[in-house]
Amino acid sequence: MTKSVTLKTLRPRLPKIIDDIDSKMDRFIITRRGKPVALMMSIDDYESILETLDILSDTRLMKRIKRSEANVKKGDVRSLDEIEKELGVI
């Protein structure tokens, strides 16, 4: 959940806000004079966003994902057993 907090109220509540970010995955938009100036979020949340951006910016990977989604929609899929047999895992 994204919440908003002013810079003035952030200072005394910082430990509680950090706890909420860590335990509840909350995000906080920090405002100064009514305007958003910063965002606080967990490291896990931040890394997840960066990873998503990396995937979305990789045109080859996105083409493969779209092709795979189209195959699933057509029912062109194989079971795990079939793949393992093909690879000689079992």
PDB file of N, CA and C in Angstrom:
ATOM      1  N   MET A   1       0.845  -1.169   0.000  1.00  0.00           N
ATOM      2  CA  MET A   1       0.000   0.000   0.000  1.00  0.00           C
ATOM      3  C   MET A   1       0.895   1.239   0.000  1.00  0.00           C
ATOM      4  N   THR A   2       0.536   2.221  -0.795  1.00  0.00           N
ATOM      5  CA  THR A   2       1.299   3.464  -0.834  1.00  0.00           C
ATOM      6  C   THR A   2       0.599   4.499   0.022  1.00  0.00           C
ATOM      7  N   LYS A   3       1.369   5.071   0.916  1.00  0.00           N
ATOM      8  CA  LYS A   3       0.856   6.101   1.812  1.00  0.00           C
ATOM      9  C   LYS A   3       1.637   7.380   1.575  1.00  0.00           C
ATOM     10  N   SER A   4       1.101   8.466   2.065  1.00  0.00           N
ATOM     11  CA  SER A   4       1.766   9.753   1.919  1.00  0.00           C
ATOM     12  C   SER A   4       2.091  10.302   3.303  1.00  0.00           C
ATOM     13  N   VAL A   5       3.253  10.921   3.413  1.00  0.00           N
ATOM     14  CA  VAL A   5       3.667  11.502   4.685  1.00  0.00           C
ATOM     15  C   VAL A   5       4.462  12.770   4.383  1.00  0.00           C
ATOM     16  N   THR A   6       4.251  13.793   5.186  1.00  0.00           N
ATOM     17  CA  THR A   6       5.012  15.025   4.988  1.00  0.00           C
ATOM     18  C   THR A   6       6.403  14.857   5.583  1.00  0.00           C
ATOM     19  N   LEU A   7       7.329  15.621   5.068  1.00  0.00           N
ATOM     20  CA  LEU A   7       8.695  15.575   5.577  1.00  0.00           C
ATOM     21  C   LEU A   7       8.722  15.902   7.067  1.00  0.00           C
ATOM     22  N   LYS A   8       7.887  16.841   7.478  1.00  0.00           N
ATOM     23  CA  LYS A   8       7.840  17.252   8.887  1.00  0.00           C
ATOM     24  C   LYS A   8       7.369  16.107   9.788  1.00  0.00           C
ATOM     25  N   THR A   9       6.341  15.363   9.354  1.00  0.00           N
ATOM     26  CA  THR A   9       5.837  14.265  10.187  1.00  0.00           C
ATOM     27  C   THR A   9       6.670  12.994  10.036  1.00  0.00           C
ATOM     28  N   LEU A  10       7.465  12.930   8.976  1.00  0.00           N
ATOM     29  CA  LEU A  10       8.314  11.757   8.763  1.00  0.00           C
ATOM     30  C   LEU A  10       9.362  11.609   9.861  1.00  0.00           C
ATOM     31  N   ARG A  11      10.010  12.691  10.202  1.00  0.00           N
ATOM     32  CA  ARG A  11      11.144  12.625  11.135  1.00  0.00           C
ATOM     33  C   ARG A  11      10.815  11.909  12.442  1.00  0.00           C
ATOM     34  N   PRO A  12       9.791  12.327  13.174  1.00  0.00           N
ATOM     35  CA  PRO A  12       9.531  11.640  14.450  1.00  0.00           C
ATOM     36  C   PRO A  12       8.970  10.224  14.286  1.00  0.00           C
ATOM     37  N   ARG A  13       8.397   9.923  13.132  1.00  0.00           N
ATOM     38  CA  ARG A  13       7.781   8.610  12.905  1.00  0.00           C
ATOM     39  C   ARG A  13       8.673   7.662  12.115  1.00  0.00           C
ATOM     40  N   LEU A  14       9.895   8.052  11.838  1.00  0.00           N
ATOM     41  CA  LEU A  14      10.757   7.267  10.958  1.00  0.00           C
ATOM     42  C   LEU A  14      10.909   5.804  11.381  1.00  0.00           C
ATOM     43  N   PRO A  15      11.184   5.497  12.658  1.00  0.00           N
ATOM     44  CA  PRO A  15      11.309   4.075  13.030  1.00  0.00           C
ATOM     45  C   PRO A  15      10.042   3.257  12.719  1.00  0.00           C
ATOM     46  N   LYS A  16       8.871   3.810  12.988  1.00  0.00           N
ATOM     47  CA  LYS A  16       7.606   3.116  12.721  1.00  0.00           C
ATOM     48  C   LYS A  16       7.395   2.951  11.212  1.00  0.00           C
ATOM     49  N   ILE A  17       7.721   3.977  10.463  1.00  0.00           N
ATOM     50  CA  ILE A  17       7.568   3.917   9.011  1.00  0.00           C
ATOM     51  C   ILE A  17       8.494   2.856   8.426  1.00  0.00           C
ATOM     52  N   ILE A  18       9.730   2.811   8.900  1.00  0.00           N
ATOM     53  CA  ILE A  18      10.675   1.787   8.441  1.00  0.00           C
ATOM     54  C   ILE A  18      10.139   0.395   8.768  1.00  0.00           C
ATOM     55  N   ASP A  19       9.579   0.221   9.959  1.00  0.00           N
ATOM     56  CA  ASP A  19       8.978  -1.071  10.328  1.00  0.00           C
ATOM     57  C   ASP A  19       7.843  -1.445   9.373  1.00  0.00           C
ATOM     58  N   ASP A  20       6.989  -0.467   9.043  1.00  0.00           N
ATOM     59  CA  ASP A  20       5.872  -0.729   8.130  1.00  0.00           C
ATOM     60  C   ASP A  20       6.372  -1.084   6.730  1.00  0.00           C
ATOM     61  N   ILE A  21       7.422  -0.426   6.300  1.00  0.00           N
ATOM     62  CA  ILE A  21       8.005  -0.734   4.992  1.00  0.00           C
ATOM     63  C   ILE A  21       8.550  -2.158   4.998  1.00  0.00           C
ATOM     64  N   ASP A  22       9.223  -2.511   6.070  1.00  0.00           N
ATOM     65  CA  ASP A  22       9.845  -3.834   6.170  1.00  0.00           C
ATOM     66  C   ASP A  22       8.821  -4.947   6.346  1.00  0.00           C
ATOM     67  N   SER A  23       7.859  -4.763   7.226  1.00  0.00           N
ATOM     68  CA  SER A  23       6.939  -5.855   7.557  1.00  0.00           C
ATOM     69  C   SER A  23       5.694  -5.910   6.670  1.00  0.00           C
ATOM     70  N   LYS A  24       5.204  -4.768   6.228  1.00  0.00           N
ATOM     71  CA  LYS A  24       3.960  -4.728   5.456  1.00  0.00           C
ATOM     72  C   LYS A  24       4.173  -4.396   3.982  1.00  0.00           C
ATOM     73  N   MET A  25       5.434  -4.192   3.598  1.00  0.00           N
ATOM     74  CA  MET A  25       5.763  -3.795   2.223  1.00  0.00           C
ATOM     75  C   MET A  25       5.065  -2.494   1.823  1.00  0.00           C
ATOM     76  N   ASP A  26       4.819  -1.626   2.814  1.00  0.00           N
ATOM     77  CA  ASP A  26       4.233  -0.324   2.513  1.00  0.00           C
ATOM     78  C   ASP A  26       5.235   0.527   1.752  1.00  0.00           C
ATOM     79  N   ARG A  27       4.719   1.468   0.992  1.00  0.00           N
ATOM     80  CA  ARG A  27       5.533   2.485   0.324  1.00  0.00           C
ATOM     81  C   ARG A  27       5.050   3.835   0.831  1.00  0.00           C
ATOM     82  N   PHE A  28       5.970   4.751   0.960  1.00  0.00           N
ATOM     83  CA  PHE A  28       5.619   6.082   1.440  1.00  0.00           C
ATOM     84  C   PHE A  28       6.104   7.139   0.463  1.00  0.00           C
ATOM     85  N   ILE A  29       5.177   7.969   0.012  1.00  0.00           N
ATOM     86  CA  ILE A  29       5.528   9.147  -0.769  1.00  0.00           C
ATOM     87  C   ILE A  29       5.750  10.268   0.229  1.00  0.00           C
ATOM     88  N   ILE A  30       6.909  10.867   0.162  1.00  0.00           N
ATOM     89  CA  ILE A  30       7.250  11.952   1.080  1.00  0.00           C
ATOM     90  C   ILE A  30       6.994  13.269   0.357  1.00  0.00           C
ATOM     91  N   THR A  31       6.239  14.136   1.018  1.00  0.00           N
ATOM     92  CA  THR A  31       5.909  15.421   0.415  1.00  0.00           C
ATOM     93  C   THR A  31       6.574  16.565   1.174  1.00  0.00           C
ATOM     94  N   ARG A  32       6.854  17.617   0.423  1.00  0.00           N
ATOM     95  CA  ARG A  32       7.363  18.856   1.021  1.00  0.00           C
ATOM     96  C   ARG A  32       6.547  19.990   0.406  1.00  0.00           C
ATOM     97  N   ARG A  33       5.935  20.763   1.263  1.00  0.00           N
ATOM     98  CA  ARG A  33       5.062  21.863   0.822  1.00  0.00           C
ATOM     99  C   ARG A  33       3.986  21.362  -0.144  1.00  0.00           C
ATOM    100  N   GLY A  34       3.467  20.169   0.150  1.00  0.00           N
ATOM    101  CA  GLY A  34       2.369  19.608  -0.627  1.00  0.00           C
ATOM    102  C   GLY A  34       2.757  18.919  -1.922  1.00  0.00           C
ATOM    103  N   LYS A  35       4.055  18.886  -2.228  1.00  0.00           N
ATOM    104  CA  LYS A  35       4.494  18.255  -3.473  1.00  0.00           C
ATOM    105  C   LYS A  35       5.311  17.007  -3.178  1.00  0.00           C
ATOM    106  N   PRO A  36       5.079  15.918  -3.924  1.00  0.00           N
ATOM    107  CA  PRO A  36       5.879  14.705  -3.720  1.00  0.00           C
ATOM    108  C   PRO A  36       7.338  14.960  -4.106  1.00  0.00           C
ATOM    109  N   VAL A  37       8.254  14.564  -3.210  1.00  0.00           N
ATOM    110  CA  VAL A  37       9.680  14.789  -3.467  1.00  0.00           C
ATOM    111  C   VAL A  37      10.510  13.514  -3.385  1.00  0.00           C
ATOM    112  N   ALA A  38       9.978  12.481  -2.744  1.00  0.00           N
ATOM    113  CA  ALA A  38      10.745  11.243  -2.595  1.00  0.00           C
ATOM    114  C   ALA A  38       9.794  10.084  -2.332  1.00  0.00           C
ATOM    115  N   LEU A  39      10.360   8.886  -2.458  1.00  0.00           N
ATOM    116  CA  LEU A  39       9.598   7.667  -2.219  1.00  0.00           C
ATOM    117  C   LEU A  39      10.438   6.732  -1.364  1.00  0.00           C
ATOM    118  N   MET A  40       9.830   6.153  -0.342  1.00  0.00           N
ATOM    119  CA  MET A  40      10.504   5.150   0.487  1.00  0.00           C
ATOM    120  C   MET A  40       9.820   3.817   0.252  1.00  0.00           C
ATOM    121  N   MET A  41      10.643   2.787   0.002  1.00  0.00           N
ATOM    122  CA  MET A  41      10.125   1.435  -0.196  1.00  0.00           C
ATOM    123  C   MET A  41      11.181   0.442   0.259  1.00  0.00           C
ATOM    124  N   SER A  42      10.781  -0.808   0.395  1.00  0.00           N
ATOM    125  CA  SER A  42      11.722  -1.839   0.820  1.00  0.00           C
ATOM    126  C   SER A  42      12.736  -2.124  -0.282  1.00  0.00           C
ATOM    127  N   ILE A  43      13.873  -2.635   0.115  1.00  0.00           N
ATOM    128  CA  ILE A  43      14.898  -3.035  -0.847  1.00  0.00           C
ATOM    129  C   ILE A  43      14.353  -4.135  -1.764  1.00  0.00           C
ATOM    130  N   ASP A  44      13.614  -5.096  -1.199  1.00  0.00           N
ATOM    131  CA  ASP A  44      13.038  -6.173  -2.020  1.00  0.00           C
ATOM    132  C   ASP A  44      12.106  -5.608  -3.090  1.00  0.00           C
ATOM    133  N   ASP A  45      11.277  -4.647  -2.695  1.00  0.00           N
ATOM    134  CA  ASP A  45      10.351  -4.005  -3.619  1.00  0.00           C
ATOM    135  C   ASP A  45      11.126  -3.284  -4.726  1.00  0.00           C
ATOM    136  N   TYR A  46      12.136  -2.546  -4.344  1.00  0.00           N
ATOM    137  CA  TYR A  46      12.974  -1.801  -5.285  1.00  0.00           C
ATOM    138  C   TYR A  46      13.662  -2.746  -6.276  1.00  0.00           C
ATOM    139  N   GLU A  47      14.265  -3.818  -5.758  1.00  0.00           N
ATOM    140  CA  GLU A  47      14.954  -4.773  -6.626  1.00  0.00           C
ATOM    141  C   GLU A  47      13.983  -5.461  -7.578  1.00  0.00           C
ATOM    142  N   SER A  48      12.780  -5.734  -7.101  1.00  0.00           N
ATOM    143  CA  SER A  48      11.760  -6.351  -7.948  1.00  0.00           C
ATOM    144  C   SER A  48      11.376  -5.423  -9.100  1.00  0.00           C
ATOM    145  N   ILE A  49      11.238  -4.147  -8.800  1.00  0.00           N
ATOM    146  CA  ILE A  49      10.904  -3.168  -9.836  1.00  0.00           C
ATOM    147  C   ILE A  49      12.035  -3.076 -10.861  1.00  0.00           C
ATOM    148  N   LEU A  50      13.283  -3.044 -10.388  1.00  0.00           N
ATOM    149  CA  LEU A  50      14.421  -2.991 -11.310  1.00  0.00           C
ATOM    150  C   LEU A  50      14.472  -4.231 -12.200  1.00  0.00           C
ATOM    151  N   GLU A  51      14.218  -5.392 -11.613  1.00  0.00           N
ATOM    152  CA  GLU A  51      14.221  -6.635 -12.388  1.00  0.00           C
ATOM    153  C   GLU A  51      13.126  -6.615 -13.454  1.00  0.00           C
ATOM    154  N   THR A  52      11.953  -6.121 -13.083  1.00  0.00           N
ATOM    155  CA  THR A  52      10.857  -6.013 -14.041  1.00  0.00           C
ATOM    156  C   THR A  52      11.227  -5.072 -15.184  1.00  0.00           C
ATOM    157  N   LEU A  53      11.842  -3.948 -14.857  1.00  0.00           N
ATOM    158  CA  LEU A  53      12.279  -3.008 -15.897  1.00  0.00           C
ATOM    159  C   LEU A  53      13.311  -3.642 -16.823  1.00  0.00           C
ATOM    160  N   ASP A  54      14.229  -4.420 -16.247  1.00  0.00           N
ATOM    161  CA  ASP A  54      15.227  -5.116 -17.067  1.00  0.00           C
ATOM    162  C   ASP A  54      14.557  -6.075 -18.047  1.00  0.00           C
ATOM    163  N   ILE A  55      13.584  -6.823 -17.567  1.00  0.00           N
ATOM    164  CA  ILE A  55      12.866  -7.774 -18.426  1.00  0.00           C
ATOM    165  C   ILE A  55      12.110  -7.034 -19.527  1.00  0.00           C
ATOM    166  N   LEU A  56      11.389  -5.981 -19.143  1.00  0.00           N
ATOM    167  CA  LEU A  56      10.594  -5.239 -20.120  1.00  0.00           C
ATOM    168  C   LEU A  56      11.454  -4.541 -21.168  1.00  0.00           C
ATOM    169  N   SER A  57      12.679  -4.207 -20.831  1.00  0.00           N
ATOM    170  CA  SER A  57      13.549  -3.509 -21.784  1.00  0.00           C
ATOM    171  C   SER A  57      14.346  -4.471 -22.668  1.00  0.00           C
ATOM    172  N   ASP A  58      14.265  -5.766 -22.391  1.00  0.00           N
ATOM    173  CA  ASP A  58      14.966  -6.777 -23.190  1.00  0.00           C
ATOM    174  C   ASP A  58      14.030  -7.244 -24.309  1.00  0.00           C
ATOM    175  N   THR A  59      14.215  -6.701 -25.505  1.00  0.00           N
ATOM    176  CA  THR A  59      13.279  -6.990 -26.597  1.00  0.00           C
ATOM    177  C   THR A  59      13.269  -8.464 -26.991  1.00  0.00           C
ATOM    178  N   ARG A  60      14.430  -9.115 -26.977  1.00  0.00           N
ATOM    179  CA  ARG A  60      14.471 -10.553 -27.313  1.00  0.00           C
ATOM    180  C   ARG A  60      13.669 -11.366 -26.308  1.00  0.00           C
ATOM    181  N   LEU A  61      13.870 -11.068 -25.036  1.00  0.00           N
ATOM    182  CA  LEU A  61      13.153 -11.799 -23.992  1.00  0.00           C
ATOM    183  C   LEU A  61      11.653 -11.550 -24.085  1.00  0.00           C
ATOM    184  N   MET A  62      11.256 -10.313 -24.335  1.00  0.00           N
ATOM    185  CA  MET A  62       9.832 -10.004 -24.443  1.00  0.00           C
ATOM    186  C   MET A  62       9.193 -10.740 -25.628  1.00  0.00           C
ATOM    187  N   LYS A  63       9.920 -10.861 -26.733  1.00  0.00           N
ATOM    188  CA  LYS A  63       9.395 -11.624 -27.877  1.00  0.00           C
ATOM    189  C   LYS A  63       9.197 -13.087 -27.501  1.00  0.00           C
ATOM    190  N   ARG A  64      10.155 -13.652 -26.755  1.00  0.00           N
ATOM    191  CA  ARG A  64      10.034 -15.049 -26.328  1.00  0.00           C
ATOM    192  C   ARG A  64       8.853 -15.228 -25.379  1.00  0.00           C
ATOM    193  N   ILE A  65       8.670 -14.273 -24.471  1.00  0.00           N
ATOM    194  CA  ILE A  65       7.546 -14.348 -23.525  1.00  0.00           C
ATOM    195  C   ILE A  65       6.225 -14.293 -24.285  1.00  0.00           C
ATOM    196  N   LYS A  66       6.106 -13.358 -25.225  1.00  0.00           N
ATOM    197  CA  LYS A  66       4.868 -13.228 -25.999  1.00  0.00           C
ATOM    198  C   LYS A  66       4.601 -14.480 -26.834  1.00  0.00           C
ATOM    199  N   ARG A  67       5.661 -15.044 -27.411  1.00  0.00           N
ATOM    200  CA  ARG A  67       5.509 -16.279 -28.193  1.00  0.00           C
ATOM    201  C   ARG A  67       5.043 -17.421 -27.282  1.00  0.00           C
ATOM    202  N   SER A  68       5.610 -17.497 -26.096  1.00  0.00           N
ATOM    203  CA  SER A  68       5.219 -18.541 -25.142  1.00  0.00           C
ATOM    204  C   SER A  68       3.776 -18.370 -24.703  1.00  0.00           C
ATOM    205  N   GLU A  69       3.368 -17.129 -24.453  1.00  0.00           N
ATOM    206  CA  GLU A  69       1.975 -16.875 -24.070  1.00  0.00           C
ATOM    207  C   GLU A  69       1.025 -17.294 -25.190  1.00  0.00           C
ATOM    208  N   ALA A  70       1.404 -17.010 -26.432  1.00  0.00           N
ATOM    209  CA  ALA A  70       0.571 -17.406 -27.576  1.00  0.00           C
ATOM    210  C   ALA A  70       0.475 -18.927 -27.660  1.00  0.00           C
ATOM    211  N   ASN A  71       1.582 -19.617 -27.415  1.00  0.00           N
ATOM    212  CA  ASN A  71       1.568 -21.085 -27.433  1.00  0.00           C
ATOM    213  C   ASN A  71       0.645 -21.638 -26.354  1.00  0.00           C
ATOM    214  N   VAL A  72       0.671 -21.048 -25.180  1.00  0.00           N
ATOM    215  CA  VAL A  72      -0.198 -21.500 -24.088  1.00  0.00           C
ATOM    216  C   VAL A  72      -1.655 -21.304 -24.479  1.00  0.00           C
ATOM    217  N   LYS A  73      -1.975 -20.151 -25.062  1.00  0.00           N
ATOM    218  CA  LYS A  73      -3.358 -19.889 -25.480  1.00  0.00           C
ATOM    219  C   LYS A  73      -3.835 -20.904 -26.518  1.00  0.00           C
ATOM    220  N   LYS A  74      -2.913 -21.338 -27.395  1.00  0.00           N
ATOM    221  CA  LYS A  74      -3.263 -22.328 -28.424  1.00  0.00           C
ATOM    222  C   LYS A  74      -3.285 -23.744 -27.863  1.00  0.00           C
ATOM    223  N   GLY A  75      -2.823 -23.906 -26.638  1.00  0.00           N
ATOM    224  CA  GLY A  75      -2.759 -25.239 -26.050  1.00  0.00           C
ATOM    225  C   GLY A  75      -1.511 -25.995 -26.451  1.00  0.00           C
ATOM    226  N   ASP A  76      -0.571 -25.303 -27.045  1.00  0.00           N
ATOM    227  CA  ASP A  76       0.684 -25.912 -27.498  1.00  0.00           C
ATOM    228  C   ASP A  76       1.670 -25.949 -26.326  1.00  0.00           C
ATOM    229  N   VAL A  77       1.435 -26.882 -25.421  1.00  0.00           N
ATOM    230  CA  VAL A  77       2.269 -27.005 -24.218  1.00  0.00           C
ATOM    231  C   VAL A  77       2.626 -28.468 -23.988  1.00  0.00           C
ATOM    232  N   ARG A  78       3.658 -28.683 -23.176  1.00  0.00           N
ATOM    233  CA  ARG A  78       4.065 -30.042 -22.820  1.00  0.00           C
ATOM    234  C   ARG A  78       4.095 -30.159 -21.298  1.00  0.00           C
ATOM    235  N   SER A  79       3.857 -31.365 -20.833  1.00  0.00           N
ATOM    236  CA  SER A  79       3.894 -31.599 -19.389  1.00  0.00           C
ATOM    237  C   SER A  79       5.346 -31.697 -18.927  1.00  0.00           C
ATOM    238  N   LEU A  80       5.540 -31.569 -17.635  1.00  0.00           N
ATOM    239  CA  LEU A  80       6.877 -31.704 -17.060  1.00  0.00           C
ATOM    240  C   LEU A  80       7.429 -33.096 -17.339  1.00  0.00           C
ATOM    241  N   ASP A  81       6.583 -34.112 -17.252  1.00  0.00           N
ATOM    242  CA  ASP A  81       7.022 -35.485 -17.551  1.00  0.00           C
ATOM    243  C   ASP A  81       7.557 -35.599 -18.980  1.00  0.00           C
ATOM    244  N   GLU A  82       6.851 -34.995 -19.933  1.00  0.00           N
ATOM    245  CA  GLU A  82       7.300 -35.040 -21.329  1.00  0.00           C
ATOM    246  C   GLU A  82       8.661 -34.360 -21.502  1.00  0.00           C
ATOM    247  N   ILE A  83       8.833 -33.239 -20.861  1.00  0.00           N
ATOM    248  CA  ILE A  83      10.101 -32.504 -20.968  1.00  0.00           C
ATOM    249  C   ILE A  83      11.231 -33.296 -20.325  1.00  0.00           C
ATOM    250  N   GLU A  84      10.962 -33.887 -19.158  1.00  0.00           N
ATOM    251  CA  GLU A  84      11.995 -34.683 -18.477  1.00  0.00           C
ATOM    252  C   GLU A  84      12.401 -35.885 -19.324  1.00  0.00           C
ATOM    253  N   LYS A  85      11.426 -36.543 -19.944  1.00  0.00           N
ATOM    254  CA  LYS A  85      11.745 -37.684 -20.815  1.00  0.00           C
ATOM    255  C   LYS A  85      12.582 -37.234 -22.006  1.00  0.00           C
ATOM    256  N   GLU A  86      12.203 -36.106 -22.594  1.00  0.00           N
ATOM    257  CA  GLU A  86      12.935 -35.575 -23.745  1.00  0.00           C
ATOM    258  C   GLU A  86      14.385 -35.246 -23.375  1.00  0.00           C
ATOM    259  N   LEU A  87      14.583 -34.741 -22.176  1.00  0.00           N
ATOM    260  CA  LEU A  87      15.930 -34.380 -21.723  1.00  0.00           C
ATOM    261  C   LEU A  87      16.682 -35.560 -21.122  1.00  0.00           C
ATOM    262  N   GLY A  88      15.994 -36.677 -20.969  1.00  0.00           N
ATOM    263  CA  GLY A  88      16.631 -37.858 -20.397  1.00  0.00           C
ATOM    264  C   GLY A  88      16.843 -37.770 -18.897  1.00  0.00           C
ATOM    265  N   VAL A  89      16.006 -36.990 -18.241  1.00  0.00           N
ATOM    266  CA  VAL A  89      16.127 -36.825 -16.792  1.00  0.00           C
ATOM    267  C   VAL A  89      15.586 -38.044 -16.067  1.00  0.00           C
ATOM    268  N   ILE A  90      14.562 -38.679 -16.635  1.00  0.00           N
ATOM    269  CA  ILE A  90      13.996 -39.876 -16.005  1.00  0.00           C
ATOM    270  C   ILE A  90      14.262 -41.105 -16.826  1.00  0.00           C
TER     271      ILE A  90
END
